[in-house]
Structures are given as structure tokens and as C-alpha cells.
């Protein structure tokens, strides 16, 4: 899903860079990235190494260290990504971008409350909204996340996510199209 109201004009002199899946965007303090294609996960780490997801960003979104005070702030490519480096001065809609980040962080915090099965379903539903595409059978999530990625986002274990995904599949609530998850309609 493209967040078209946050699209920025391509600044003069900014170059499009390509990153492979699982590479990291640089997080210089005055560097922003406008994602042209692909998906990126922003996260931080607690002192004990626990991953806390701060957001999932796709085409048209702008991300970067200068939008937060959280340290460390990592931006991991979940797919192959093309992104354009920006300076904060080049963003004429910086307030909208900040609100977008705030809203997404709040949504991820909301998803982290409640029982784990409920959290997982809420996360899948949100991912279908953000990265989904309607198909005849339901919403196809066009973002491949590992069970560990989902577990990190929910604050649980990979084993729990694997067990719950298997249960959702047996119940007919999810299916697969290739490696993409399908949230089945009327489930």
C-alpha cells in the first residue's frame, strides 16, 4: 500500500541506491531515506538484545535516524529496496512524516497487548492493510517475514509464532500463495 500523501518530490542531486534483502540503510543522524520500492523494518534493541519493532515501511515512506531519539535505531531491508537519500531540509512535509511514524509506532504498541494469538492475528491484519493486495480469496500480504520477524514484533518466541500460524492454517484463516501469506476472506 503506497502512502501517497507522503510522497516527496525527488530532490535534485539525490541518487537512487539499491539494497539487498537483509542489508541495512545507513543511519547517519541527518540522513533520511525515501523508499521507492521494497520494504524496510525499523527496530531498536534493548540492553539484553531483545528486538523491538518500531515500524514497517514501504513505497513512498520516509525513514531515518533523525526522526527519532531512540538509540540504537536500525533500518533493515526486508526485501530488495531502492531508496533515495534525503536531507531533512529537503522534506516539505516533515510534520506529516512525523505523524505517520507516531501513528505506526502507536499501532505496533497496541498490537503488542493482549493474548499472543490475538496479537498475531492483529499483526497479520495490519500487515495485510499496509502491504496487502486484494485477491479472490482474501488479502495477499506482499511482504515475506520470517517467523522470527513476526515473533520479534509481537514480543514472543519463534516457536510460538510457528505453532500459531500452523493453527491458523488448519482453521482455514490463512493460506499461502507461493511464499506470500493469504488472509482468507470471511475468516
Protein backbone atom coordinates (compact mmCIF):
# COMPACT_ATOMS: atom_id res chain seq x y z
CA UNK A 1 0.00 0.00 0.00
CA UNK A 2 1.51 3.30 -1.04
CA UNK A 3 1.15 6.16 1.38
CA UNK A 4 0.77 8.65 -1.46
CA UNK A 5 0.10 11.66 0.74
CA UNK A 6 3.68 11.42 2.00
CA UNK A 7 5.35 11.15 -1.41
CA UNK A 8 8.03 13.78 -1.85
CA UNK A 9 9.37 15.38 -4.96
CA UNK A 10 12.67 13.82 -5.97
CA UNK A 11 15.30 16.31 -4.85
CA UNK A 12 17.92 17.45 -7.28
CA UNK A 13 21.13 15.51 -6.88
CA UNK A 14 19.70 12.71 -4.75
CA UNK A 15 20.67 9.35 -6.14
CA UNK A 16 18.70 6.17 -6.05
CA UNK A 17 20.51 3.42 -4.17
CA UNK A 18 19.79 -0.29 -4.24
CA UNK A 19 19.96 -2.53 -1.18
CA UNK A 20 19.58 -6.30 -0.99
CA UNK A 21 17.25 -8.14 1.38
CA UNK A 22 18.66 -8.08 4.97
CA UNK A 23 21.07 -5.21 4.23
CA UNK A 24 20.83 -2.10 6.38
CA UNK A 25 20.22 1.50 5.36
CA UNK A 26 22.81 3.82 6.86
CA UNK A 27 21.57 5.72 9.88
CA UNK A 28 23.61 8.92 9.81
CA UNK A 29 21.91 11.46 12.07
CA UNK A 30 20.98 13.82 9.21
CA UNK A 31 20.14 11.15 6.63
CA UNK A 32 16.60 10.32 5.63
CA UNK A 33 15.57 7.68 3.11
CA UNK A 34 12.58 7.84 0.80
CA UNK A 35 11.67 4.29 -0.17
CA UNK A 36 11.00 3.99 -3.89
CA UNK A 37 10.40 0.22 -3.82
CA UNK A 38 10.63 -2.59 -1.31
CA UNK A 39 10.08 -2.78 2.43
CA UNK A 40 12.15 -1.83 5.48
CA UNK A 41 11.76 -2.67 9.16
CA UNK A 42 12.98 -0.17 11.73
CA UNK A 43 13.83 -1.56 15.14
CA UNK A 44 15.80 -0.99 18.29
CA UNK A 45 17.48 -3.36 20.73
CA UNK A 46 17.12 -3.46 24.49
CA UNK A 47 20.17 -3.87 26.72
CA UNK A 48 19.64 -7.65 26.74
CA UNK A 49 19.43 -7.80 22.91
CA UNK A 50 15.65 -8.05 22.60
CA UNK A 51 14.40 -6.67 19.28
CA UNK A 52 11.60 -4.10 19.43
CA UNK A 53 9.97 -3.28 16.09
CA UNK A 54 9.46 0.45 15.55
CA UNK A 55 7.83 0.29 12.14
CA UNK A 56 7.46 -1.35 8.76
CA UNK A 57 7.90 0.99 5.84
CA UNK A 58 7.21 0.65 2.13
CA UNK A 59 6.98 2.55 -1.12
CA UNK A 60 6.65 6.30 -0.60
CA UNK A 61 7.53 6.22 3.10
CA UNK A 62 10.38 8.28 4.54
CA UNK A 63 12.50 6.87 7.37
CA UNK A 64 15.68 7.77 9.17
CA UNK A 65 17.50 8.21 12.45
CA UNK A 66 16.76 11.93 12.55
CA UNK A 67 13.04 11.16 13.01
CA UNK A 68 13.60 9.56 16.42
CA UNK A 69 15.67 9.83 19.57
CA UNK A 70 15.79 6.08 20.04
CA UNK A 71 19.23 4.51 20.10
CA UNK A 72 20.14 2.18 18.55
CA UNK A 73 17.93 2.68 15.51
CA UNK A 74 18.37 0.07 12.79
CA UNK A 75 16.73 0.02 9.34
CA UNK A 76 16.79 -3.47 7.87
CA UNK A 77 15.66 -4.20 4.31
CA UNK A 78 13.02 -6.94 4.36
CA UNK A 79 13.09 -7.15 0.56
CA UNK A 80 15.34 -5.75 -2.12
CA UNK A 81 14.94 -1.99 -1.68
CA UNK A 82 15.50 1.08 -3.80
CA UNK A 83 15.75 4.24 -1.72
CA UNK A 84 16.75 7.82 -2.26
CA UNK A 85 18.87 9.63 0.32
CA UNK A 86 17.42 12.91 1.56
CA UNK A 87 18.44 15.62 3.97
CA UNK A 88 15.70 16.70 6.43
CA UNK A 89 15.76 20.19 4.83
CA UNK A 90 14.51 18.59 1.57
CA UNK A 91 11.29 17.39 3.23
CA UNK A 92 8.49 19.88 2.82
CA UNK A 93 6.06 17.53 4.60
CA UNK A 94 8.16 16.69 7.63
CA UNK A 95 5.23 17.11 10.04
CA UNK A 96 3.14 14.59 8.07
CA UNK A 97 6.07 12.17 8.06
CA UNK A 98 6.50 12.53 11.83
CA UNK A 99 2.78 11.93 12.40
CA UNK A 100 2.95 8.85 10.18
CA UNK A 101 5.81 7.48 12.30
CA UNK A 102 3.98 8.30 15.52
CA UNK A 103 0.78 6.61 14.35
CA UNK A 104 2.61 3.48 13.21
CA UNK A 105 4.54 3.20 16.48
CA UNK A 106 1.30 3.58 18.42
CA UNK A 107 -0.36 0.90 16.27
CA UNK A 108 2.51 -1.53 16.87
CA UNK A 109 2.34 -0.82 20.61
CA UNK A 110 -1.40 -1.52 20.56
CA UNK A 111 -0.81 -4.79 18.73
CA UNK A 112 1.66 -5.89 21.44
CA UNK A 113 -1.08 -6.07 24.09
CA UNK A 114 -3.40 -9.00 24.74
CA UNK A 115 -3.04 -12.73 24.32
CA UNK A 116 -0.45 -13.90 21.77
CA UNK A 117 -2.97 -15.49 19.33
CA UNK A 118 -4.89 -12.20 19.25
CA UNK A 119 -1.66 -10.22 18.82
CA UNK A 120 -0.62 -12.38 15.88
CA UNK A 121 -3.97 -12.01 14.13
CA UNK A 122 -3.92 -8.22 14.70
CA UNK A 123 -0.39 -8.00 13.25
CA UNK A 124 -1.33 -10.08 10.20
CA UNK A 125 -4.41 -7.94 9.65
CA UNK A 126 -2.32 -4.76 9.92
CA UNK A 127 0.34 -6.13 7.54
CA UNK A 128 -2.43 -7.01 5.06
CA UNK A 129 -3.65 -3.42 5.27
CA UNK A 130 -0.16 -1.90 4.89
CA UNK A 131 1.40 -4.36 2.41
CA UNK A 132 -1.58 -6.33 1.14
CA UNK A 133 -3.23 -6.80 -2.20
CA UNK A 134 -6.82 -7.97 -2.64
CA UNK A 135 -7.25 -11.34 -4.33
CA UNK A 136 -10.27 -13.55 -4.99
CA UNK A 137 -9.74 -15.48 -1.75
CA UNK A 138 -8.68 -12.63 0.56
CA UNK A 139 -5.78 -10.28 1.27
CA UNK A 140 -2.37 -11.37 -0.01
CA UNK A 141 0.44 -9.98 2.17
CA UNK A 142 3.16 -9.00 -0.28
CA UNK A 143 5.86 -8.95 2.35
CA UNK A 144 7.76 -12.06 3.31
CA UNK A 145 8.57 -12.05 7.01
CA UNK A 146 10.24 -14.87 8.88
CA UNK A 147 8.59 -16.41 11.91
CA UNK A 148 11.35 -14.73 13.93
CA UNK A 149 10.47 -11.31 12.43
CA UNK A 150 6.85 -11.83 13.50
CA UNK A 151 7.91 -13.04 16.95
CA UNK A 152 10.18 -10.02 17.47
CA UNK A 153 7.34 -7.69 16.55
CA UNK A 154 4.94 -9.40 18.94
CA UNK A 155 7.35 -9.89 21.84
CA UNK A 156 7.11 -13.68 21.79
CA UNK A 157 9.11 -16.67 20.57
CA UNK A 158 9.57 -18.04 17.08
CA UNK A 159 8.26 -21.44 18.25
CA UNK A 160 5.01 -19.83 19.45
CA UNK A 161 4.54 -17.99 16.15
CA UNK A 162 5.20 -21.18 14.15
CA UNK A 163 2.65 -23.10 16.25
CA UNK A 164 0.02 -20.37 15.94
CA UNK A 165 0.50 -19.95 12.18
CA UNK A 166 0.00 -23.70 11.79
CA UNK A 167 -3.19 -23.46 13.83
CA UNK A 168 -4.47 -20.53 11.70
CA UNK A 169 -3.73 -22.53 8.56
CA UNK A 170 -5.57 -25.62 9.88
CA UNK A 171 -8.55 -23.38 10.76
CA UNK A 172 -8.60 -22.04 7.19
CA UNK A 173 -7.91 -18.47 8.28
CA UNK A 174 -4.61 -18.20 6.38
CA UNK A 175 -3.17 -19.87 3.31
CA UNK A 176 -0.17 -19.49 1.07
CA UNK A 177 0.35 -18.32 -2.49
CA UNK A 178 3.95 -19.22 -3.17
CA UNK A 179 5.81 -17.70 -0.23
CA UNK A 180 3.23 -14.99 0.39
CA UNK A 181 0.66 -15.33 3.14
CA UNK A 182 -3.02 -15.02 2.31
CA UNK A 183 -5.53 -13.87 4.92
CA UNK A 184 -8.60 -15.75 3.78
CA UNK A 185 -11.83 -13.77 3.40
CA UNK A 186 -14.63 -14.32 5.89
CA UNK A 187 -12.30 -15.81 8.46
